Amino acid sequence: MPEVRITIGGRQFEVACQEGEENYLHAAAKMLDDEAQVLSDQVGRMPEARMLLMAGLLLADKTASIEDRIAEIKAELAEREAELAGLRNVKIEPERIEVPVVPQSVKETLAELAARAEALAAEVEEKAAK
């Protein structure tokens, strides 16, 4: 079992850990040391046991608030997933678009106008050719 030297609050400790967990131990020790440093800056020197207790409590408080936030986010995610599941079950009808029918009288009038225009064009061409 490897022995790891860590520093917390300016004090060094020898700690044993499982093989391969040294990096995790150093990371945890750094978090505890950061909290101990905050305490030391605010309060000054204090007994080792009290410093470790207070630093541990500060970390536990941060962890509890993070866990509360995670629970809130999970609940919100569950709500959104339920809404999405509900939307998947809703049958959405496509929008119906109706195209108005052109009345027959309008078609006849347009055909008559087209015939007149063609007749005029033919007349103009005939006069231009003379």
Protein backbone atom coordinates (compact mmCIF):
# COMPACT_ATOMS: atom_id res chain seq x y z
CA MET A 1 0.00 0.00 0.00
CA PRO A 2 1.60 3.27 -1.10
CA GLU A 3 2.33 6.03 1.40
CA VAL A 4 1.56 9.53 0.16
CA ARG A 5 2.73 12.76 1.72
CA ILE A 6 0.09 15.48 1.67
CA THR A 7 0.05 19.00 3.04
CA ILE A 8 -3.04 20.49 4.65
CA GLY A 9 -3.00 23.86 6.35
CA GLY A 10 0.76 24.05 6.21
CA ARG A 11 1.11 20.71 8.02
CA GLN A 12 2.37 17.55 6.39
CA PHE A 13 0.78 14.14 6.80
CA GLU A 14 1.72 10.64 5.67
CA VAL A 15 -1.33 8.80 4.38
CA ALA A 16 -1.70 5.29 3.00
CA CYS A 17 -3.96 4.61 0.04
CA GLN A 18 -4.80 1.86 -2.41
CA GLU A 19 -2.49 1.29 -5.38
CA GLY A 20 -3.43 3.64 -8.22
CA GLU A 21 -5.44 6.05 -6.03
CA GLU A 22 -2.59 8.42 -5.32
CA ASN A 23 -3.88 11.08 -7.73
CA TYR A 24 -7.34 10.99 -6.14
CA LEU A 25 -5.81 11.38 -2.70
CA HIS A 26 -3.73 14.35 -3.83
CA ALA A 27 -6.83 15.97 -5.37
CA ALA A 28 -8.87 15.44 -2.19
CA ALA A 29 -5.99 16.74 -0.06
CA LYS A 30 -5.78 19.85 -2.26
CA MET A 31 -9.49 20.55 -1.72
CA LEU A 32 -9.10 20.14 2.04
CA ASP A 33 -5.94 22.27 2.02
CA ASP A 34 -7.73 25.04 0.12
CA GLU A 35 -10.45 25.14 2.79
CA ALA A 36 -7.86 25.00 5.57
CA GLN A 37 -6.04 27.92 3.95
CA VAL A 38 -9.24 29.98 3.94
CA LEU A 39 -9.72 29.21 7.65
CA SER A 40 -6.11 30.00 8.42
CA ASP A 41 -6.39 33.34 6.60
CA GLN A 42 -9.58 34.23 8.49
CA VAL A 43 -8.88 32.86 11.97
CA GLY A 44 -5.13 32.41 12.12
CA ARG A 45 -3.37 29.44 13.65
CA MET A 46 -5.59 26.85 15.33
CA PRO A 47 -5.15 23.32 16.66
CA GLU A 48 -4.72 20.68 13.96
CA ALA A 49 -7.85 18.70 14.89
CA ARG A 50 -10.02 21.83 14.86
CA MET A 51 -8.58 23.00 11.54
CA LEU A 52 -9.24 19.61 9.92
CA LEU A 53 -12.75 19.46 11.41
CA MET A 54 -13.68 22.94 10.21
CA ALA A 55 -12.16 22.42 6.74
CA GLY A 56 -14.02 19.09 6.45
CA LEU A 57 -17.28 20.74 7.48
CA LEU A 58 -16.82 23.50 4.91
CA LEU A 59 -16.26 20.89 2.20
CA ALA A 60 -19.28 18.89 3.40
CA ASP A 61 -21.40 22.05 3.20
CA LYS A 62 -20.25 22.71 -0.37
CA THR A 63 -20.89 19.08 -1.28
CA ALA A 64 -24.40 19.20 0.23
CA SER A 65 -25.29 22.31 -1.77
CA ILE A 66 -23.97 20.73 -4.95
CA GLU A 67 -26.00 17.59 -4.24
CA ASP A 68 -29.12 19.72 -3.67
CA ARG A 69 -28.53 21.50 -6.97
CA ILE A 70 -28.03 18.17 -8.75
CA ALA A 71 -31.34 16.92 -7.30
CA GLU A 72 -33.10 20.09 -8.55
CA ILE A 73 -31.60 19.68 -12.02
CA LYS A 74 -32.57 15.99 -12.12
CA ALA A 75 -36.15 16.87 -11.14
CA GLU A 76 -36.29 19.57 -13.84
CA LEU A 77 -34.87 17.12 -16.37
CA ALA A 78 -37.51 14.53 -15.42
CA GLU A 79 -40.23 17.17 -15.94
CA ARG A 80 -38.86 18.09 -19.37
CA GLU A 81 -38.59 14.41 -20.34
CA ALA A 82 -42.21 13.86 -19.26
CA GLU A 83 -43.31 16.87 -21.32
CA LEU A 84 -41.39 15.58 -24.30
CA ALA A 85 -42.89 12.10 -23.90
CA GLY A 86 -46.35 13.70 -23.79
CA LEU A 87 -45.62 15.62 -26.96
CA ARG A 88 -44.57 12.44 -28.73
CA ASN A 89 -48.02 10.96 -28.03
CA VAL A 90 -49.86 13.97 -29.43
CA LYS A 91 -51.04 13.47 -32.98
CA ILE A 92 -50.43 16.66 -34.89
CA GLU A 93 -52.68 17.13 -37.90
CA PRO A 94 -51.08 18.86 -40.86
CA GLU A 95 -52.39 22.31 -41.63
CA ARG A 96 -55.08 22.19 -44.28
CA ILE A 97 -54.71 24.71 -47.07
CA GLU A 98 -57.57 25.30 -49.47
CA VAL A 99 -56.92 26.82 -52.84
CA PRO A 100 -59.88 28.80 -54.13
CA VAL A 101 -61.32 27.63 -57.43
CA VAL A 102 -61.33 30.15 -60.25
CA PRO A 103 -64.96 30.60 -61.37
CA GLN A 104 -65.80 29.49 -64.89
CA SER A 105 -66.95 33.00 -65.89
CA VAL A 106 -63.47 34.36 -65.07
CA LYS A 107 -61.86 31.64 -67.19
CA GLU A 108 -64.17 32.48 -70.10
CA THR A 109 -63.47 36.21 -69.80
CA LEU A 110 -59.70 35.59 -69.74
CA ALA A 111 -59.98 33.33 -72.79
CA GLU A 112 -61.99 36.01 -74.65
CA LEU A 113 -59.38 38.68 -73.74
CA ALA A 114 -56.58 36.43 -74.93
CA ALA A 115 -58.40 35.82 -78.23
CA ARG A 116 -58.90 39.58 -78.73
CA ALA A 117 -55.21 40.25 -77.92
CA GLU A 118 -54.14 37.64 -80.46
CA ALA A 119 -56.48 39.12 -83.06
CA LEU A 120 -55.07 42.61 -82.46
CA ALA A 121 -51.52 41.29 -82.66
CA ALA A 122 -52.30 39.58 -85.96
CA GLU A 123 -53.88 42.80 -87.30
CA VAL A 124 -50.79 44.83 -86.28
CA GLU A 125 -48.49 42.31 -87.95
CA GLU A 126 -50.59 42.41 -91.12
CA LYS A 127 -50.47 46.20 -91.27
CA ALA A 128 -46.75 46.21 -90.56
CA ALA A 129 -46.10 43.78 -93.38
CA LYS A 130 -47.84 46.06 -95.97
